[in-house]
Amino acid sequence: MENIEQYLEYTLLKPNTTITDVRNLCEIAIEKGLGGVCIPPLFVREAKKLVGEYSKTKVVTVVGFPMGYSALAAKTEEIKRAVDEGADEIDGMLNLAALKSNNWNHVENDIEGMALATNMRGRSMKLILEMGMLSEEDIKRISEFALKSRVKFLKTGTGYHGFDATPDMVKLLKKVADPSFKIKASGGVRTKAQAIALIQAGADRIGTSAALDLLN
């Protein structure tokens, strides 16, 4: 598959990530022409300096990650800070605890609040779903909230709760969500064959910590 690099977000979100790790990640992403780097909020400012203001490689960071049950006020403050420091896109975590408690009003308000905080600052948001924990009906309802809130991307999961991205997940999102959504597949993508299968299923972005190995 040609131009696979443009689909890849080189991801490093481990708790022991260092500034040296992030610098190396950014240098590789720039050299290879990757679609983005996804890094902890702590390193957004440095990553943006390295990548540059007008690079095709986007600086992506996470909010409410990986649990999602932070207060909305905390999430919106995270978004404001990340954008101020140079983030191009925000991957915001769904409040699974609220969803599993059937508190759908909270779920809707949480999605709307994160999206509003992101959109008002001229950035794009990806809503992280953790599809392995959700029913098809859950996903459909979440995607309706996300559409109303002008979320741009739906993301299959965090990669931290034991559910790797699969082509079937991507196909399910294509089936139940509005076709205007772009899809990011993330979690356990370690080979080029996996990435190609996800793209062929309909993924627009691939989040992977193995981008360099994948390309090689």
N, C-alpha and C. Protein backbone atom coordinates (compact mmCIF):
# COMPACT_ATOMS: atom_id res chain seq x y z
N MET A 1 0.84 -1.20 0.00
CA MET A 1 0.00 0.00 0.00
C MET A 1 0.88 1.25 0.00
N GLU A 2 0.59 2.17 -0.92
CA GLU A 2 1.39 3.38 -1.02
C GLU A 2 0.92 4.43 0.00
N ASN A 3 1.88 5.25 0.43
CA ASN A 3 1.58 6.39 1.30
C ASN A 3 0.95 6.01 2.62
N ILE A 4 1.29 4.83 3.15
CA ILE A 4 0.72 4.42 4.43
C ILE A 4 1.15 5.35 5.56
N GLU A 5 2.31 5.98 5.38
CA GLU A 5 2.83 6.84 6.45
C GLU A 5 1.88 7.98 6.81
N GLN A 6 1.11 8.47 5.83
CA GLN A 6 0.22 9.60 6.10
C GLN A 6 -0.95 9.22 7.01
N TYR A 7 -1.21 7.92 7.13
CA TYR A 7 -2.28 7.44 8.02
C TYR A 7 -1.81 7.29 9.47
N LEU A 8 -0.51 7.27 9.69
CA LEU A 8 0.03 6.86 10.99
C LEU A 8 0.20 8.01 11.96
N GLU A 9 -0.26 7.81 13.19
CA GLU A 9 0.07 8.69 14.31
C GLU A 9 1.02 7.91 15.22
N TYR A 10 2.26 8.33 15.24
CA TYR A 10 3.27 7.67 16.07
C TYR A 10 2.96 8.01 17.52
N THR A 11 2.67 7.00 18.31
CA THR A 11 2.08 7.19 19.63
C THR A 11 3.03 6.75 20.74
N LEU A 12 3.14 7.59 21.77
CA LEU A 12 3.93 7.25 22.95
C LEU A 12 3.24 7.86 24.17
N LEU A 13 2.51 7.03 24.90
CA LEU A 13 1.70 7.51 26.02
C LEU A 13 1.99 6.76 27.32
N LYS A 14 3.12 6.08 27.39
CA LYS A 14 3.47 5.34 28.60
C LYS A 14 3.73 6.32 29.76
N PRO A 15 3.47 5.90 31.00
CA PRO A 15 3.68 6.81 32.12
C PRO A 15 5.14 7.18 32.36
N ASN A 16 6.07 6.37 31.86
CA ASN A 16 7.49 6.69 32.04
C ASN A 16 8.11 7.35 30.81
N THR A 17 7.28 7.92 29.95
CA THR A 17 7.77 8.65 28.77
C THR A 17 8.64 9.82 29.21
N THR A 18 9.75 10.02 28.51
CA THR A 18 10.66 11.13 28.82
C THR A 18 10.70 12.13 27.66
N ILE A 19 11.25 13.31 27.93
CA ILE A 19 11.38 14.32 26.89
C ILE A 19 12.29 13.83 25.76
N THR A 20 13.30 13.03 26.11
CA THR A 20 14.18 12.46 25.09
C THR A 20 13.40 11.53 24.17
N ASP A 21 12.53 10.72 24.76
CA ASP A 21 11.69 9.82 23.96
C ASP A 21 10.84 10.62 22.97
N VAL A 22 10.25 11.70 23.45
CA VAL A 22 9.36 12.51 22.60
C VAL A 22 10.15 13.18 21.49
N ARG A 23 11.33 13.67 21.79
CA ARG A 23 12.17 14.29 20.75
C ARG A 23 12.51 13.27 19.66
N ASN A 24 12.87 12.07 20.07
CA ASN A 24 13.19 11.02 19.09
C ASN A 24 11.97 10.68 18.23
N LEU A 25 10.82 10.59 18.89
CA LEU A 25 9.57 10.29 18.19
C LEU A 25 9.27 11.34 17.13
N CYS A 26 9.41 12.61 17.51
CA CYS A 26 9.11 13.71 16.58
C CYS A 26 10.09 13.72 15.41
N GLU A 27 11.35 13.48 15.69
CA GLU A 27 12.35 13.47 14.62
C GLU A 27 12.05 12.38 13.59
N ILE A 28 11.66 11.21 14.08
CA ILE A 28 11.31 10.11 13.18
C ILE A 28 10.06 10.45 12.38
N ALA A 29 9.06 11.01 13.06
CA ALA A 29 7.80 11.36 12.39
C ALA A 29 8.02 12.37 11.27
N ILE A 30 8.86 13.35 11.53
CA ILE A 30 9.16 14.37 10.51
C ILE A 30 9.92 13.72 9.35
N GLU A 31 10.92 12.92 9.67
CA GLU A 31 11.74 12.27 8.64
C GLU A 31 10.90 11.36 7.75
N LYS A 32 9.96 10.64 8.33
CA LYS A 32 9.16 9.66 7.59
C LYS A 32 7.89 10.26 7.00
N GLY A 33 7.57 11.51 7.37
CA GLY A 33 6.35 12.14 6.85
C GLY A 33 5.08 11.55 7.42
N LEU A 34 5.09 11.24 8.72
CA LEU A 34 3.93 10.62 9.34
C LEU A 34 2.81 11.64 9.55
N GLY A 35 1.57 11.10 9.67
CA GLY A 35 0.41 11.97 9.82
C GLY A 35 0.37 12.71 11.14
N GLY A 36 0.98 12.14 12.18
CA GLY A 36 0.95 12.81 13.46
C GLY A 36 1.80 12.11 14.50
N VAL A 37 1.98 12.80 15.63
CA VAL A 37 2.55 12.20 16.84
C VAL A 37 1.51 12.38 17.94
N CYS A 38 1.31 11.34 18.73
CA CYS A 38 0.36 11.40 19.83
C CYS A 38 1.14 11.20 21.12
N ILE A 39 1.19 12.26 21.93
CA ILE A 39 2.11 12.28 23.07
C ILE A 39 1.39 12.82 24.32
N PRO A 40 1.96 12.61 25.51
CA PRO A 40 1.33 13.12 26.73
C PRO A 40 1.24 14.65 26.74
N PRO A 41 0.23 15.20 27.42
CA PRO A 41 0.07 16.66 27.47
C PRO A 41 1.31 17.40 27.95
N LEU A 42 2.07 16.79 28.84
CA LEU A 42 3.27 17.42 29.39
C LEU A 42 4.24 17.87 28.30
N PHE A 43 4.26 17.16 27.17
CA PHE A 43 5.28 17.40 26.15
C PHE A 43 4.76 18.09 24.89
N VAL A 44 3.54 18.61 24.93
CA VAL A 44 2.96 19.23 23.73
C VAL A 44 3.79 20.41 23.26
N ARG A 45 4.17 21.29 24.16
CA ARG A 45 4.91 22.49 23.76
C ARG A 45 6.21 22.13 23.05
N GLU A 46 6.95 21.19 23.63
CA GLU A 46 8.22 20.78 23.02
C GLU A 46 8.00 20.09 21.68
N ALA A 47 6.97 19.24 21.60
CA ALA A 47 6.68 18.54 20.34
C ALA A 47 6.33 19.53 19.24
N LYS A 48 5.56 20.56 19.58
CA LYS A 48 5.18 21.55 18.57
C LYS A 48 6.39 22.32 18.06
N LYS A 49 7.31 22.64 18.95
CA LYS A 49 8.54 23.31 18.53
C LYS A 49 9.32 22.46 17.54
N LEU A 50 9.38 21.15 17.82
CA LEU A 50 10.14 20.25 16.97
C LEU A 50 9.45 20.01 15.63
N VAL A 51 8.16 19.82 15.66
CA VAL A 51 7.41 19.51 14.44
C VAL A 51 7.27 20.75 13.56
N GLY A 52 7.03 21.91 14.19
CA GLY A 52 6.90 23.15 13.44
C GLY A 52 5.45 23.53 13.21
N GLU A 53 5.22 24.80 13.02
CA GLU A 53 3.87 25.35 12.94
C GLU A 53 3.12 24.88 11.69
N TYR A 54 3.84 24.70 10.59
CA TYR A 54 3.16 24.43 9.32
C TYR A 54 3.42 23.02 8.79
N SER A 55 3.85 22.13 9.67
CA SER A 55 4.14 20.76 9.26
C SER A 55 2.86 19.99 8.98
N LYS A 56 2.95 19.03 8.06
CA LYS A 56 1.83 18.12 7.81
C LYS A 56 1.68 17.12 8.95
N THR A 57 2.73 16.96 9.74
CA THR A 57 2.69 16.07 10.90
C THR A 57 2.01 16.79 12.05
N LYS A 58 0.87 16.29 12.49
CA LYS A 58 0.09 16.97 13.52
C LYS A 58 0.54 16.54 14.92
N VAL A 59 0.44 17.48 15.85
CA VAL A 59 0.70 17.18 17.26
C VAL A 59 -0.64 16.86 17.92
N VAL A 60 -0.74 15.64 18.41
CA VAL A 60 -1.98 15.15 19.02
C VAL A 60 -1.70 14.81 20.48
N THR A 61 -2.64 15.16 21.36
CA THR A 61 -2.51 14.76 22.76
C THR A 61 -3.84 14.24 23.28
N VAL A 62 -3.80 13.71 24.50
CA VAL A 62 -4.97 13.04 25.07
C VAL A 62 -5.52 13.82 26.26
N VAL A 63 -6.83 13.65 26.48
CA VAL A 63 -7.53 14.32 27.57
C VAL A 63 -8.39 13.29 28.31
N GLY A 64 -8.35 13.32 29.65
CA GLY A 64 -9.11 12.35 30.43
C GLY A 64 -8.64 10.92 30.22
N PHE A 65 -7.40 10.77 29.89
CA PHE A 65 -6.86 9.48 29.42
C PHE A 65 -6.18 8.74 30.57
N PRO A 66 -6.33 7.41 30.67
CA PRO A 66 -7.13 6.53 29.80
C PRO A 66 -8.48 6.12 30.39
N MET A 67 -8.86 6.69 31.53
CA MET A 67 -10.07 6.24 32.23
C MET A 67 -11.34 6.97 31.80
N GLY A 68 -11.23 8.29 31.61
CA GLY A 68 -12.36 9.05 31.11
C GLY A 68 -13.28 9.61 32.16
N TYR A 69 -13.09 9.25 33.43
CA TYR A 69 -14.04 9.68 34.45
C TYR A 69 -13.63 10.94 35.19
N SER A 70 -12.68 11.69 34.66
CA SER A 70 -12.35 13.01 35.21
C SER A 70 -13.56 13.92 35.10
N ALA A 71 -13.63 14.91 36.00
CA ALA A 71 -14.69 15.91 35.91
C ALA A 71 -14.58 16.67 34.60
N LEU A 72 -15.72 17.06 34.05
CA LEU A 72 -15.71 17.79 32.78
C LEU A 72 -14.90 19.07 32.89
N ALA A 73 -14.98 19.76 34.02
CA ALA A 73 -14.19 21.00 34.19
C ALA A 73 -12.70 20.73 34.07
N ALA A 74 -12.25 19.59 34.57
CA ALA A 74 -10.84 19.22 34.45
C ALA A 74 -10.49 18.92 32.99
N LYS A 75 -11.38 18.22 32.31
CA LYS A 75 -11.13 17.89 30.90
C LYS A 75 -11.06 19.16 30.05
N THR A 76 -11.97 20.09 30.27
CA THR A 76 -11.96 21.30 29.45
C THR A 76 -10.72 22.14 29.73
N GLU A 77 -10.26 22.14 30.98
CA GLU A 77 -9.02 22.86 31.29
C GLU A 77 -7.82 22.19 30.62
N GLU A 78 -7.81 20.85 30.59
CA GLU A 78 -6.76 20.12 29.87
C GLU A 78 -6.75 20.51 28.39
N ILE A 79 -7.92 20.61 27.80
CA ILE A 79 -8.02 20.98 26.38
C ILE A 79 -7.50 22.38 26.15
N LYS A 80 -7.92 23.32 26.98
CA LYS A 80 -7.47 24.70 26.85
C LYS A 80 -5.95 24.79 26.93
N ARG A 81 -5.38 24.12 27.91
CA ARG A 81 -3.92 24.15 28.08
C ARG A 81 -3.22 23.50 26.90
N ALA A 82 -3.73 22.36 26.44
CA ALA A 82 -3.09 21.65 25.33
C ALA A 82 -3.09 22.49 24.06
N VAL A 83 -4.21 23.14 23.76
CA VAL A 83 -4.29 23.98 22.56
C VAL A 83 -3.36 25.19 22.70
N ASP A 84 -3.35 25.81 23.85
CA ASP A 84 -2.47 26.96 24.09
C ASP A 84 -1.01 26.59 23.87
N GLU A 85 -0.67 25.34 24.17
CA GLU A 85 0.72 24.91 24.06
C GLU A 85 1.04 24.31 22.69
N GLY A 86 0.03 24.22 21.79
CA GLY A 86 0.35 23.85 20.41
C GLY A 86 -0.30 22.61 19.87
N ALA A 87 -1.21 21.97 20.62
CA ALA A 87 -1.84 20.76 20.10
C ALA A 87 -2.73 21.08 18.90
N ASP A 88 -2.62 20.25 17.88
CA ASP A 88 -3.47 20.39 16.69
C ASP A 88 -4.77 19.62 16.82
N GLU A 89 -4.72 18.50 17.53
CA GLU A 89 -5.89 17.65 17.70
C GLU A 89 -5.93 17.11 19.12
N ILE A 90 -7.15 16.88 19.61
CA ILE A 90 -7.37 16.37 20.95
C ILE A 90 -8.07 15.02 20.88
N ASP A 91 -7.49 14.01 21.53
CA ASP A 91 -8.15 12.71 21.68
C ASP A 91 -8.76 12.67 23.08
N GLY A 92 -10.09 12.87 23.16
CA GLY A 92 -10.78 12.97 24.44
C GLY A 92 -11.48 11.68 24.81
N MET A 93 -11.28 11.25 26.06
CA MET A 93 -11.80 9.95 26.50
C MET A 93 -13.24 10.04 26.97
N LEU A 94 -14.06 9.16 26.44
CA LEU A 94 -15.46 9.02 26.85
C LEU A 94 -15.54 8.66 28.33
N ASN A 95 -16.58 9.16 29.02
CA ASN A 95 -16.79 8.81 30.43
C ASN A 95 -17.53 7.47 30.51
N LEU A 96 -16.76 6.40 30.54
CA LEU A 96 -17.34 5.05 30.56
C LEU A 96 -18.08 4.77 31.86
N ALA A 97 -17.58 5.33 32.97
CA ALA A 97 -18.23 5.09 34.25
C ALA A 97 -19.65 5.64 34.25
N ALA A 98 -19.83 6.82 33.66
CA ALA A 98 -21.17 7.40 33.55
C ALA A 98 -22.05 6.54 32.64
N LEU A 99 -21.48 6.10 31.52
CA LEU A 99 -22.25 5.28 30.58
C LEU A 99 -22.71 3.97 31.24
N LYS A 100 -21.79 3.29 31.93
CA LYS A 100 -22.13 2.02 32.55
C LYS A 100 -23.12 2.18 33.72
N SER A 101 -23.21 3.42 34.22
CA SER A 101 -24.20 3.73 35.26
C SER A 101 -25.52 4.19 34.66
N ASN A 102 -25.61 4.14 33.32
CA ASN A 102 -26.81 4.60 32.59
C ASN A 102 -27.11 6.08 32.82
N ASN A 103 -26.05 6.83 33.10
CA ASN A 103 -26.21 8.28 33.26
C ASN A 103 -25.93 8.94 31.91
N TRP A 104 -26.88 8.78 31.00
CA TRP A 104 -26.68 9.24 29.63
C TRP A 104 -26.66 10.76 29.52
N ASN A 105 -27.32 11.44 30.43
CA ASN A 105 -27.24 12.91 30.43
C ASN A 105 -25.81 13.36 30.67
N HIS A 106 -25.14 12.68 31.61
CA HIS A 106 -23.74 13.02 31.89
C HIS A 106 -22.86 12.71 30.68
N VAL A 107 -23.10 11.56 30.06
CA VAL A 107 -22.33 11.18 28.88
C VAL A 107 -22.47 12.23 27.79
N GLU A 108 -23.70 12.63 27.52
CA GLU A 108 -23.94 13.63 26.48
C GLU A 108 -23.28 14.96 26.83
N ASN A 109 -23.42 15.41 28.07
CA ASN A 109 -22.82 16.68 28.49
C ASN A 109 -21.30 16.64 28.43
N ASP A 110 -20.75 15.48 28.77
CA ASP A 110 -19.30 15.32 28.75
C ASP A 110 -18.76 15.43 27.32
N ILE A 111 -19.42 14.75 26.39
CA ILE A 111 -19.00 14.81 24.99
C ILE A 111 -19.16 16.23 24.46
N GLU A 112 -20.31 16.83 24.73
CA GLU A 112 -20.57 18.18 24.25
C GLU A 112 -19.57 19.18 24.81
N GLY A 113 -19.26 19.05 26.10
CA GLY A 113 -18.33 19.99 26.72
C GLY A 113 -16.92 19.88 26.16
N MET A 114 -16.43 18.65 25.98
CA MET A 114 -15.10 18.48 25.40
C MET A 114 -15.05 18.99 23.96
N ALA A 115 -16.09 18.67 23.19
CA ALA A 115 -16.12 19.10 21.79
C ALA A 115 -16.18 20.61 21.68
N LEU A 116 -17.00 21.23 22.53
CA LEU A 116 -17.12 22.69 22.49
C LEU A 116 -15.79 23.36 22.83
N ALA A 117 -15.13 22.86 23.87
CA ALA A 117 -13.83 23.43 24.27
C ALA A 117 -12.80 23.30 23.16
N THR A 118 -12.89 22.21 22.40
CA THR A 118 -11.95 21.98 21.30
C THR A 118 -12.32 22.82 20.08
N ASN A 119 -13.57 22.78 19.69
CA ASN A 119 -14.02 23.48 18.49
C ASN A 119 -13.88 25.00 18.61
N MET A 120 -14.13 25.52 19.80
CA MET A 120 -14.02 26.97 20.01
C MET A 120 -12.60 27.48 19.79
N ARG A 121 -11.65 26.57 19.94
CA ARG A 121 -10.24 26.94 19.77
C ARG A 121 -9.71 26.52 18.40
N GLY A 122 -10.63 26.16 17.51
CA GLY A 122 -10.24 25.87 16.13
C GLY A 122 -9.49 24.57 15.94
N ARG A 123 -9.69 23.62 16.84
CA ARG A 123 -9.02 22.34 16.74
C ARG A 123 -10.03 21.21 16.54
N SER A 124 -9.54 20.04 16.18
CA SER A 124 -10.40 18.88 15.95
C SER A 124 -10.30 17.91 17.12
N MET A 125 -11.42 17.29 17.43
CA MET A 125 -11.46 16.33 18.53
C MET A 125 -11.76 14.93 18.03
N LYS A 126 -11.06 13.96 18.61
CA LYS A 126 -11.38 12.55 18.41
C LYS A 126 -11.96 12.04 19.73
N LEU A 127 -13.12 11.43 19.66
CA LEU A 127 -13.75 10.85 20.84
C LEU A 127 -13.33 9.39 20.96
N ILE A 128 -12.69 9.05 22.09
CA ILE A 128 -12.22 7.68 22.31
C ILE A 128 -13.34 6.87 22.93
N LEU A 129 -13.71 5.77 22.28
CA LEU A 129 -14.88 5.01 22.69
C LEU A 129 -14.60 3.81 23.59
N GLU A 130 -13.49 3.12 23.43
CA GLU A 130 -13.21 1.82 24.05
C GLU A 130 -14.30 0.82 23.67
N MET A 131 -14.29 0.49 22.38
CA MET A 131 -15.38 -0.29 21.78
C MET A 131 -15.54 -1.68 22.38
N GLY A 132 -14.45 -2.26 22.88
CA GLY A 132 -14.53 -3.59 23.47
C GLY A 132 -15.42 -3.66 24.70
N MET A 133 -15.73 -2.50 25.29
CA MET A 133 -16.60 -2.45 26.48
C MET A 133 -18.03 -2.02 26.15
N LEU A 134 -18.33 -1.79 24.86
CA LEU A 134 -19.60 -1.18 24.49
C LEU A 134 -20.42 -2.10 23.58
N SER A 135 -21.73 -1.98 23.71
CA SER A 135 -22.64 -2.67 22.80
C SER A 135 -22.82 -1.84 21.53
N GLU A 136 -23.38 -2.47 20.50
CA GLU A 136 -23.66 -1.74 19.26
C GLU A 136 -24.62 -0.57 19.53
N GLU A 137 -25.60 -0.80 20.39
CA GLU A 137 -26.55 0.26 20.71
C GLU A 137 -25.86 1.42 21.45
N ASP A 138 -24.92 1.08 22.36
CA ASP A 138 -24.14 2.12 23.03
C ASP A 138 -23.40 2.98 22.01
N ILE A 139 -22.74 2.31 21.08
CA ILE A 139 -21.93 3.01 20.09
C ILE A 139 -22.79 3.91 19.21
N LYS A 140 -23.94 3.41 18.83
CA LYS A 140 -24.86 4.20 18.01
C LYS A 140 -25.29 5.47 18.76
N ARG A 141 -25.64 5.31 20.03
CA ARG A 141 -26.11 6.45 20.81
C ARG A 141 -24.99 7.47 21.04
N ILE A 142 -23.81 6.97 21.35
CA ILE A 142 -22.64 7.86 21.54
C ILE A 142 -22.35 8.63 20.26
N SER A 143 -22.40 7.94 19.13
CA SER A 143 -22.09 8.60 17.86
C SER A 143 -23.12 9.69 17.53
N GLU A 144 -24.36 9.50 17.96
CA GLU A 144 -25.38 10.53 17.76
C GLU A 144 -25.06 11.78 18.58
N PHE A 145 -24.64 11.57 19.84
CA PHE A 145 -24.22 12.71 20.66
C PHE A 145 -23.02 13.41 20.02
N ALA A 146 -22.07 12.62 19.55
CA ALA A 146 -20.85 13.17 18.96
C ALA A 146 -21.15 13.97 17.70
N LEU A 147 -22.08 13.48 16.89
CA LEU A 147 -22.45 14.19 15.67
C LEU A 147 -23.07 15.54 16.01
N LYS A 148 -23.97 15.55 16.98
CA LYS A 148 -24.62 16.78 17.40
C LYS A 148 -23.62 17.80 17.95
N SER A 149 -22.54 17.28 18.55
CA SER A 149 -21.53 18.15 19.16
C SER A 149 -20.39 18.52 18.21
N ARG A 150 -20.50 18.06 16.95
CA ARG A 150 -19.50 18.38 15.91
C ARG A 150 -18.12 17.78 16.22
N VAL A 151 -18.12 16.58 16.76
CA VAL A 151 -16.88 15.81 16.89
C VAL A 151 -16.48 15.34 15.51
N LYS A 152 -15.18 15.40 15.20
CA LYS A 152 -14.72 15.05 13.85
C LYS A 152 -14.38 13.57 13.68
N PHE A 153 -13.80 12.97 14.73
CA PHE A 153 -13.31 11.59 14.66
C PHE A 153 -13.92 10.74 15.77
N LEU A 154 -14.12 9.47 15.49
CA LEU A 154 -14.38 8.46 16.50
C LEU A 154 -13.17 7.53 16.53
N LYS A 155 -12.72 7.22 17.74
CA LYS A 155 -11.51 6.41 17.93
C LYS A 155 -11.89 5.11 18.63
N THR A 156 -11.35 3.99 18.15
CA THR A 156 -11.79 2.68 18.62
C THR A 156 -11.50 2.43 20.09
N GLY A 157 -10.37 2.92 20.61
CA GLY A 157 -10.04 2.66 22.00
C GLY A 157 -8.71 3.26 22.39
N THR A 158 -8.35 3.02 23.66
CA THR A 158 -7.11 3.58 24.21
C THR A 158 -5.89 2.71 23.96
N GLY A 159 -6.12 1.40 23.82
CA GLY A 159 -5.01 0.47 23.79
C GLY A 159 -4.53 0.09 25.18
N TYR A 160 -5.21 0.58 26.22
CA TYR A 160 -4.77 0.36 27.60
C TYR A 160 -5.69 -0.57 28.39
N HIS A 161 -6.79 -1.01 27.82
CA HIS A 161 -7.74 -1.81 28.59
C HIS A 161 -7.96 -3.20 28.01
N GLY A 162 -7.01 -3.65 27.19
CA GLY A 162 -7.06 -5.02 26.71
C GLY A 162 -7.85 -5.26 25.44
N PHE A 163 -8.20 -4.19 24.72
CA PHE A 163 -8.98 -4.35 23.50
C PHE A 163 -8.23 -3.75 22.30
N ASP A 164 -7.61 -4.61 21.52
CA ASP A 164 -6.88 -4.16 20.34
C ASP A 164 -7.86 -3.77 19.24
N ALA A 165 -7.44 -2.82 18.41
CA ALA A 165 -8.25 -2.40 17.27
C ALA A 165 -8.34 -3.53 16.25
N THR A 166 -9.54 -3.72 15.69
CA THR A 166 -9.75 -4.75 14.67
C THR A 166 -10.52 -4.16 13.50
N PRO A 167 -10.40 -4.75 12.32
CA PRO A 167 -11.21 -4.30 11.19
C PRO A 167 -12.71 -4.36 11.49
N ASP A 168 -13.15 -5.33 12.28
CA ASP A 168 -14.57 -5.43 12.61
C ASP A 168 -15.04 -4.20 13.41
N MET A 169 -14.18 -3.69 14.28
CA MET A 169 -14.53 -2.47 15.02
C MET A 169 -14.73 -1.30 14.06
N VAL A 170 -13.83 -1.17 13.13
CA VAL A 170 -13.91 -0.08 12.15
C VAL A 170 -15.17 -0.23 11.31
N LYS A 171 -15.45 -1.44 10.87
CA LYS A 171 -16.65 -1.69 10.06
C LYS A 171 -17.92 -1.38 10.84
N LEU A 172 -17.92 -1.69 12.13
CA LEU A 172 -19.09 -1.40 12.96
C LEU A 172 -19.31 0.11 13.07
N LEU A 173 -18.24 0.86 13.24
CA LEU A 173 -18.37 2.32 13.27
C LEU A 173 -18.90 2.85 11.94
N LYS A 174 -18.41 2.29 10.85
CA LYS A 174 -18.90 2.71 9.53
C LYS A 174 -20.38 2.38 9.37
N LYS A 175 -20.81 1.31 10.01
CA LYS A 175 -22.19 0.86 9.88
C LYS A 175 -23.15 1.72 10.71
N VAL A 176 -22.79 2.02 11.95
CA VAL A 176 -23.77 2.64 12.86
C VAL A 176 -23.61 4.16 13.00
N ALA A 177 -22.43 4.70 12.65
CA ALA A 177 -22.19 6.13 12.83
C ALA A 177 -22.42 6.88 11.52
N ASP A 178 -22.67 8.16 11.64
CA ASP A 178 -22.86 9.00 10.46
C ASP A 178 -21.62 8.93 9.56
N PRO A 179 -21.80 8.90 8.24
CA PRO A 179 -20.65 8.77 7.34
C PRO A 179 -19.71 9.97 7.36
N SER A 180 -20.12 11.07 7.97
CA SER A 180 -19.24 12.25 8.04
C SER A 180 -18.07 12.04 9.00
N PHE A 181 -18.19 11.08 9.91
CA PHE A 181 -17.12 10.85 10.88
C PHE A 181 -15.90 10.24 10.19
N LYS A 182 -14.72 10.69 10.62
CA LYS A 182 -13.50 9.98 10.32
C LYS A 182 -13.22 9.03 11.48
N ILE A 183 -12.42 8.00 11.21
CA ILE A 183 -12.20 6.95 12.19
C ILE A 183 -10.71 6.77 12.45
N LYS A 184 -10.37 6.73 13.74
CA LYS A 184 -9.00 6.40 14.14
C LYS A 184 -9.02 5.05 14.83
N ALA A 185 -8.21 4.13 14.33
CA ALA A 185 -8.06 2.80 14.94
C ALA A 185 -6.79 2.80 15.76
N SER A 186 -6.91 2.40 17.03
CA SER A 186 -5.75 2.46 17.92
C SER A 186 -5.80 1.32 18.92
N GLY A 187 -4.61 0.75 19.18
CA GLY A 187 -4.49 -0.33 20.14
C GLY A 187 -4.00 -1.61 19.50
N GLY A 188 -2.77 -1.99 19.79
CA GLY A 188 -2.25 -3.28 19.33
C GLY A 188 -1.87 -3.35 17.87
N VAL A 189 -1.71 -2.21 17.21
CA VAL A 189 -1.35 -2.22 15.78
C VAL A 189 0.17 -2.24 15.69
N ARG A 190 0.72 -3.40 15.34
CA ARG A 190 2.17 -3.57 15.38
C ARG A 190 2.79 -3.99 14.05
N THR A 191 1.95 -4.31 13.06
CA THR A 191 2.47 -4.75 11.77
C THR A 191 1.82 -3.96 10.64
N LYS A 192 2.51 -3.95 9.52
CA LYS A 192 1.97 -3.27 8.34
C LYS A 192 0.70 -3.95 7.87
N ALA A 193 0.65 -5.27 7.95
CA ALA A 193 -0.55 -6.00 7.53
C ALA A 193 -1.77 -5.60 8.37
N GLN A 194 -1.58 -5.43 9.68
CA GLN A 194 -2.67 -4.98 10.54
C GLN A 194 -3.15 -3.59 10.12
N ALA A 195 -2.19 -2.70 9.89
CA ALA A 195 -2.54 -1.32 9.53
C ALA A 195 -3.31 -1.28 8.21
N ILE A 196 -2.85 -2.04 7.23
CA ILE A 196 -3.51 -2.06 5.92
C ILE A 196 -4.94 -2.61 6.05
N ALA A 197 -5.11 -3.66 6.86
CA ALA A 197 -6.44 -4.23 7.05
C ALA A 197 -7.39 -3.21 7.68
N LEU A 198 -6.90 -2.42 8.62
CA LEU A 198 -7.72 -1.40 9.27
C LEU A 198 -8.08 -0.28 8.29
N ILE A 199 -7.11 0.11 7.49
CA ILE A 199 -7.36 1.16 6.48
C ILE A 199 -8.37 0.68 5.45
N GLN A 200 -8.22 -0.56 5.00
CA GLN A 200 -9.15 -1.11 4.03
C GLN A 200 -10.56 -1.24 4.60
N ALA A 201 -10.66 -1.41 5.93
CA ALA A 201 -11.96 -1.48 6.58
C ALA A 201 -12.61 -0.11 6.70
N GLY A 202 -11.79 0.96 6.54
CA GLY A 202 -12.35 2.30 6.58
C GLY A 202 -11.68 3.27 7.52
N ALA A 203 -10.59 2.87 8.19
CA ALA A 203 -9.89 3.77 9.11
C ALA A 203 -9.17 4.88 8.35
N ASP A 204 -9.25 6.10 8.89
CA ASP A 204 -8.56 7.25 8.31
C ASP A 204 -7.24 7.54 9.00
N ARG A 205 -7.11 7.07 10.23
CA ARG A 205 -5.87 7.21 10.99
C ARG A 205 -5.60 5.92 11.75
N ILE A 206 -4.32 5.67 11.97
CA ILE A 206 -3.88 4.51 12.74
C ILE A 206 -2.97 5.01 13.85
N GLY A 207 -3.38 4.79 15.10
CA GLY A 207 -2.52 5.11 16.22
C GLY A 207 -1.67 3.90 16.57
N THR A 208 -0.35 4.08 16.57
CA THR A 208 0.54 2.94 16.83
C THR A 208 1.85 3.40 17.46
N SER A 209 2.30 2.63 18.45
CA SER A 209 3.61 2.89 19.05
C SER A 209 4.71 2.18 18.27
N ALA A 210 4.32 1.43 17.24
CA ALA A 210 5.28 0.66 16.44
C ALA A 210 5.40 1.20 15.02
N ALA A 211 5.21 2.51 14.86
CA ALA A 211 5.20 3.09 13.51
C ALA A 211 6.50 2.82 12.75
N LEU A 212 7.62 2.97 13.42
CA LEU A 212 8.92 2.79 12.73
C LEU A 212 9.09 1.35 12.30
N ASP A 213 8.81 0.40 13.18
CA ASP A 213 8.89 -1.02 12.81
C ASP A 213 7.92 -1.34 11.70
N LEU A 214 6.74 -0.77 11.77
CA LEU A 214 5.71 -1.01 10.76
C LEU A 214 6.18 -0.57 9.38
N LEU A 215 6.82 0.59 9.30
CA LEU A 215 7.28 1.11 8.03
C LEU A 215 8.47 0.32 7.48
N ASN A 216 9.27 -0.20 8.40
CA ASN A 216 10.46 -0.94 7.99
C ASN A 216 10.14 -2.39 7.62
